[in-house]
């Protein structure tokens, strides 16, 4: 299973009532000499009814960040 699918499944992002349907894509990963791995994800939020405002996107993004931090116990940059 890809890291993108693992992230989406573990966080249950597309089944969260507070989030519109989203698309998660792993776009880069890097492992340093100490063995720590970094992942870079592209997240697209979608609404079929209207355009989302910057404020709505910012709130959604912070909600995803909080979920990632609390459920996966990772360092966010």
C-alpha atoms as a PDB file:
ATOM      1  CA  UNK A   1       0.000   0.000   0.000  1.00  0.00           C
ATOM      2  CA  UNK A   2       1.348   3.444  -0.891  1.00  0.00           C
ATOM      3  CA  UNK A   3       2.156   6.084   1.758  1.00  0.00           C
ATOM      4  CA  UNK A   4      -0.656   8.222   0.301  1.00  0.00           C
ATOM      5  CA  UNK A   5      -3.254   5.491   0.796  1.00  0.00           C
ATOM      6  CA  UNK A   6      -1.936   4.798   4.296  1.00  0.00           C
ATOM      7  CA  UNK A   7      -2.250   8.480   5.208  1.00  0.00           C
ATOM      8  CA  UNK A   8      -5.783   8.716   3.835  1.00  0.00           C
ATOM      9  CA  UNK A   9      -6.923   5.453   5.457  1.00  0.00           C
ATOM     10  CA  UNK A  10      -5.349   6.086   8.855  1.00  0.00           C
ATOM     11  CA  UNK A  11      -6.800   9.575   9.089  1.00  0.00           C
ATOM     12  CA  UNK A  12     -10.081   8.698   7.382  1.00  0.00           C
ATOM     13  CA  UNK A  13      -9.909  12.057   5.627  1.00  0.00           C
ATOM     14  CA  UNK A  14     -12.547  11.460   2.989  1.00  0.00           C
ATOM     15  CA  UNK A  15     -15.135  10.275   5.514  1.00  0.00           C
ATOM     16  CA  UNK A  16     -14.876  13.256   7.841  1.00  0.00           C
ATOM     17  CA  UNK A  17     -18.103  15.288   7.930  1.00  0.00           C
ATOM     18  CA  UNK A  18     -16.120  18.475   8.544  1.00  0.00           C
ATOM     19  CA  UNK A  19     -14.045  18.114   5.379  1.00  0.00           C
ATOM     20  CA  UNK A  20     -15.153  18.316   1.767  1.00  0.00           C
ATOM     21  CA  UNK A  21     -13.962  15.480  -0.472  1.00  0.00           C
ATOM     22  CA  UNK A  22     -10.210  15.690  -0.814  1.00  0.00           C
ATOM     23  CA  UNK A  23      -7.468  14.157  -2.908  1.00  0.00           C
ATOM     24  CA  UNK A  24      -4.162  13.295  -1.212  1.00  0.00           C
ATOM     25  CA  UNK A  25      -1.046  12.742  -3.325  1.00  0.00           C
ATOM     26  CA  UNK A  26       2.492  11.962  -2.170  1.00  0.00           C
ATOM     27  CA  UNK A  27       4.728  14.183  -4.307  1.00  0.00           C
ATOM     28  CA  UNK A  28       8.141  13.696  -2.686  1.00  0.00           C
ATOM     29  CA  UNK A  29       9.960  11.765   0.023  1.00  0.00           C
ATOM     30  CA  UNK A  30      13.465  11.973   1.391  1.00  0.00           C
ATOM     31  CA  UNK A  31      15.479   9.888   3.862  1.00  0.00           C
ATOM     32  CA  UNK A  32      18.471  11.551   5.521  1.00  0.00           C
ATOM     33  CA  UNK A  33      21.686   9.903   6.721  1.00  0.00           C
ATOM     34  CA  UNK A  34      20.183   9.371  10.189  1.00  0.00           C
ATOM     35  CA  UNK A  35      17.324   7.355   8.692  1.00  0.00           C
ATOM     36  CA  UNK A  36      14.599   9.955   9.237  1.00  0.00           C
ATOM     37  CA  UNK A  37      12.110  10.112   6.378  1.00  0.00           C
ATOM     38  CA  UNK A  38      10.238  13.196   5.201  1.00  0.00           C
ATOM     39  CA  UNK A  39       7.116  13.040   3.045  1.00  0.00           C
ATOM     40  CA  UNK A  40       5.611  15.911   1.069  1.00  0.00           C
ATOM     41  CA  UNK A  41       1.911  15.639   0.236  1.00  0.00           C
ATOM     42  CA  UNK A  42      -0.305  17.651  -2.069  1.00  0.00           C
ATOM     43  CA  UNK A  43      -3.844  17.942  -0.741  1.00  0.00           C
ATOM     44  CA  UNK A  44      -6.676  19.187  -2.965  1.00  0.00           C
ATOM     45  CA  UNK A  45      -9.974  20.185  -1.348  1.00  0.00           C
ATOM     46  CA  UNK A  46     -13.082  20.092  -3.539  1.00  0.00           C
ATOM     47  CA  UNK A  47     -16.640  21.303  -3.333  1.00  0.00           C
ATOM     48  CA  UNK A  48     -19.062  20.510  -6.138  1.00  0.00           C
ATOM     49  CA  UNK A  49     -21.413  23.270  -4.979  1.00  0.00           C
ATOM     50  CA  UNK A  50     -19.145  26.331  -4.945  1.00  0.00           C
ATOM     51  CA  UNK A  51     -15.631  27.691  -4.791  1.00  0.00           C
ATOM     52  CA  UNK A  52     -14.070  27.444  -1.357  1.00  0.00           C
ATOM     53  CA  UNK A  53     -12.737  30.642   0.189  1.00  0.00           C
ATOM     54  CA  UNK A  54      -9.158  31.096   1.376  1.00  0.00           C
ATOM     55  CA  UNK A  55     -10.438  31.210   4.962  1.00  0.00           C
ATOM     56  CA  UNK A  56     -12.249  27.886   4.531  1.00  0.00           C
ATOM     57  CA  UNK A  57      -9.168  26.265   2.994  1.00  0.00           C
ATOM     58  CA  UNK A  58      -6.966  27.575   5.804  1.00  0.00           C
ATOM     59  CA  UNK A  59      -9.330  26.149   8.425  1.00  0.00           C
ATOM     60  CA  UNK A  60      -9.493  22.810   6.595  1.00  0.00           C
ATOM     61  CA  UNK A  61      -5.711  22.693   6.315  1.00  0.00           C
ATOM     62  CA  UNK A  62      -5.264  23.316  10.051  1.00  0.00           C
ATOM     63  CA  UNK A  63      -7.821  20.604  10.822  1.00  0.00           C
ATOM     64  CA  UNK A  64      -5.879  18.129   8.663  1.00  0.00           C
ATOM     65  CA  UNK A  65      -2.599  19.166  10.320  1.00  0.00           C
ATOM     66  CA  UNK A  66      -4.107  18.627  13.784  1.00  0.00           C
ATOM     67  CA  UNK A  67      -5.408  15.206  12.750  1.00  0.00           C
ATOM     68  CA  UNK A  68      -2.045  14.189  11.283  1.00  0.00           C
ATOM     69  CA  UNK A  69      -0.180  15.326  14.380  1.00  0.00           C
ATOM     70  CA  UNK A  70      -2.530  13.712  16.908  1.00  0.00           C
ATOM     71  CA  UNK A  71      -3.201  10.408  15.123  1.00  0.00           C
ATOM     72  CA  UNK A  72       0.179   9.756  13.509  1.00  0.00           C
ATOM     73  CA  UNK A  73       2.458  11.450  16.059  1.00  0.00           C
ATOM     74  CA  UNK A  74       4.673  13.019  13.407  1.00  0.00           C
ATOM     75  CA  UNK A  75       6.638  16.251  13.250  1.00  0.00           C
ATOM     76  CA  UNK A  76       5.031  18.781  10.903  1.00  0.00           C
ATOM     77  CA  UNK A  77       7.023  21.454   9.163  1.00  0.00           C
END
